[in-house]
Amino acid sequence: MRRILGIILALVGSWMLVSPQALLGLAQLKWMYKYAFPGEVLIGIVIIAIGFKLMDLKAPKVGKPSH
């Protein structure tokens, strides 16, 4: 359940990073700009970090070098 919540938070945070910049991009994405608010990018970064923490991603194990 934590992993699903983490994925959802990461998606919401990603939306918060993209929506303020949508006005500068494609015409098809300009509707996103209506939902942006001041400080949204900073809050989006925090939400993505929380989402990644909840997903509990592990670094791959590295074996011995072959040489």
C-alpha atoms as a PDB file:
ATOM      1  CA  MET A   1       0.000   0.000   0.000  1.00  0.00           C
ATOM      2  CA  ARG A   2       2.896   2.353   0.774  1.00  0.00           C
ATOM      3  CA  ARG A   3       4.362   1.737  -2.674  1.00  0.00           C
ATOM      4  CA  ILE A   4       1.076   2.635  -4.400  1.00  0.00           C
ATOM      5  CA  LEU A   5       0.764   5.808  -2.313  1.00  0.00           C
ATOM      6  CA  GLY A   6       4.379   6.646  -3.207  1.00  0.00           C
ATOM      7  CA  ILE A   7       3.689   6.235  -6.914  1.00  0.00           C
ATOM      8  CA  ILE A   8       0.597   8.436  -6.670  1.00  0.00           C
ATOM      9  CA  LEU A   9       2.523  11.138  -4.795  1.00  0.00           C
ATOM     10  CA  ALA A  10       5.347  11.007  -7.341  1.00  0.00           C
ATOM     11  CA  LEU A  11       2.835  11.479 -10.171  1.00  0.00           C
ATOM     12  CA  VAL A  12       1.160  14.406  -8.387  1.00  0.00           C
ATOM     13  CA  GLY A  13       4.545  15.994  -7.724  1.00  0.00           C
ATOM     14  CA  SER A  14       5.508  15.559 -11.369  1.00  0.00           C
ATOM     15  CA  TRP A  15       2.302  17.311 -12.402  1.00  0.00           C
ATOM     16  CA  MET A  16       3.188  20.164 -10.048  1.00  0.00           C
ATOM     17  CA  LEU A  17       6.587  20.548 -11.710  1.00  0.00           C
ATOM     18  CA  VAL A  18       5.198  20.561 -15.252  1.00  0.00           C
ATOM     19  CA  SER A  19       2.059  22.695 -14.936  1.00  0.00           C
ATOM     20  CA  PRO A  20       3.737  26.085 -14.266  1.00  0.00           C
ATOM     21  CA  GLN A  21       5.882  25.607 -17.380  1.00  0.00           C
ATOM     22  CA  ALA A  22       3.024  24.516 -19.619  1.00  0.00           C
ATOM     23  CA  LEU A  23       2.353  28.078 -20.775  1.00  0.00           C
ATOM     24  CA  LEU A  24       5.744  28.122 -22.496  1.00  0.00           C
ATOM     25  CA  GLY A  25       5.363  24.749 -24.195  1.00  0.00           C
ATOM     26  CA  LEU A  26       2.952  23.058 -26.535  1.00  0.00           C
ATOM     27  CA  ALA A  27      -0.387  24.677 -27.253  1.00  0.00           C
ATOM     28  CA  GLN A  28      -2.116  21.431 -26.235  1.00  0.00           C
ATOM     29  CA  LEU A  29      -0.710  21.725 -22.686  1.00  0.00           C
ATOM     30  CA  LYS A  30      -1.572  25.385 -22.034  1.00  0.00           C
ATOM     31  CA  TRP A  31      -4.743  24.366 -20.164  1.00  0.00           C
ATOM     32  CA  MET A  32      -2.524  22.980 -17.397  1.00  0.00           C
ATOM     33  CA  TYR A  33      -1.308  26.478 -16.558  1.00  0.00           C
ATOM     34  CA  LYS A  34      -4.745  27.392 -15.143  1.00  0.00           C
ATOM     35  CA  TYR A  35      -4.116  24.996 -12.248  1.00  0.00           C
ATOM     36  CA  ALA A  36      -0.671  26.349 -11.301  1.00  0.00           C
ATOM     37  CA  PHE A  37      -0.148  28.435  -8.168  1.00  0.00           C
ATOM     38  CA  PRO A  38       2.843  30.340  -6.746  1.00  0.00           C
ATOM     39  CA  GLY A  39       5.359  28.084  -5.044  1.00  0.00           C
ATOM     40  CA  GLU A  40       3.981  24.983  -6.723  1.00  0.00           C
ATOM     41  CA  VAL A  41       7.376  23.820  -7.955  1.00  0.00           C
ATOM     42  CA  LEU A  42       8.911  23.789  -4.464  1.00  0.00           C
ATOM     43  CA  ILE A  43       5.938  21.914  -3.035  1.00  0.00           C
ATOM     44  CA  GLY A  44       6.096  19.510  -5.991  1.00  0.00           C
ATOM     45  CA  ILE A  45       9.738  18.720  -5.226  1.00  0.00           C
ATOM     46  CA  VAL A  46       8.861  17.892  -1.616  1.00  0.00           C
ATOM     47  CA  ILE A  47       5.920  15.714  -2.696  1.00  0.00           C
ATOM     48  CA  ILE A  48       8.089  13.791  -5.181  1.00  0.00           C
ATOM     49  CA  ALA A  49      10.724  13.225  -2.477  1.00  0.00           C
ATOM     50  CA  ILE A  50       8.076  11.875  -0.092  1.00  0.00           C
ATOM     51  CA  GLY A  51       6.719   9.659  -2.875  1.00  0.00           C
ATOM     52  CA  PHE A  52      10.160   8.208  -3.570  1.00  0.00           C
ATOM     53  CA  LYS A  53      10.713   7.620   0.136  1.00  0.00           C
ATOM     54  CA  LEU A  54       7.391   5.738   0.373  1.00  0.00           C
ATOM     55  CA  MET A  55       8.263   3.624  -2.664  1.00  0.00           C
ATOM     56  CA  ASP A  56      11.363   2.445  -0.750  1.00  0.00           C
ATOM     57  CA  LEU A  57      13.495   2.050  -3.855  1.00  0.00           C
ATOM     58  CA  LYS A  58      16.676   0.061  -3.298  1.00  0.00           C
ATOM     59  CA  ALA A  59      19.960   0.576  -5.123  1.00  0.00           C
ATOM     60  CA  PRO A  60      21.043  -2.411  -7.210  1.00  0.00           C
ATOM     61  CA  LYS A  61      23.695  -4.593  -5.625  1.00  0.00           C
ATOM     62  CA  VAL A  62      27.031  -4.352  -7.335  1.00  0.00           C
ATOM     63  CA  GLY A  63      29.221  -7.429  -7.504  1.00  0.00           C
ATOM     64  CA  LYS A  64      32.968  -7.623  -7.631  1.00  0.00           C
ATOM     65  CA  PRO A  65      34.644  -6.018 -10.625  1.00  0.00           C
ATOM     66  CA  SER A  66      35.550  -8.464 -13.392  1.00  0.00           C
ATOM     67  CA  HIS A  67      39.082  -7.178 -13.834  1.00  0.00           C
END
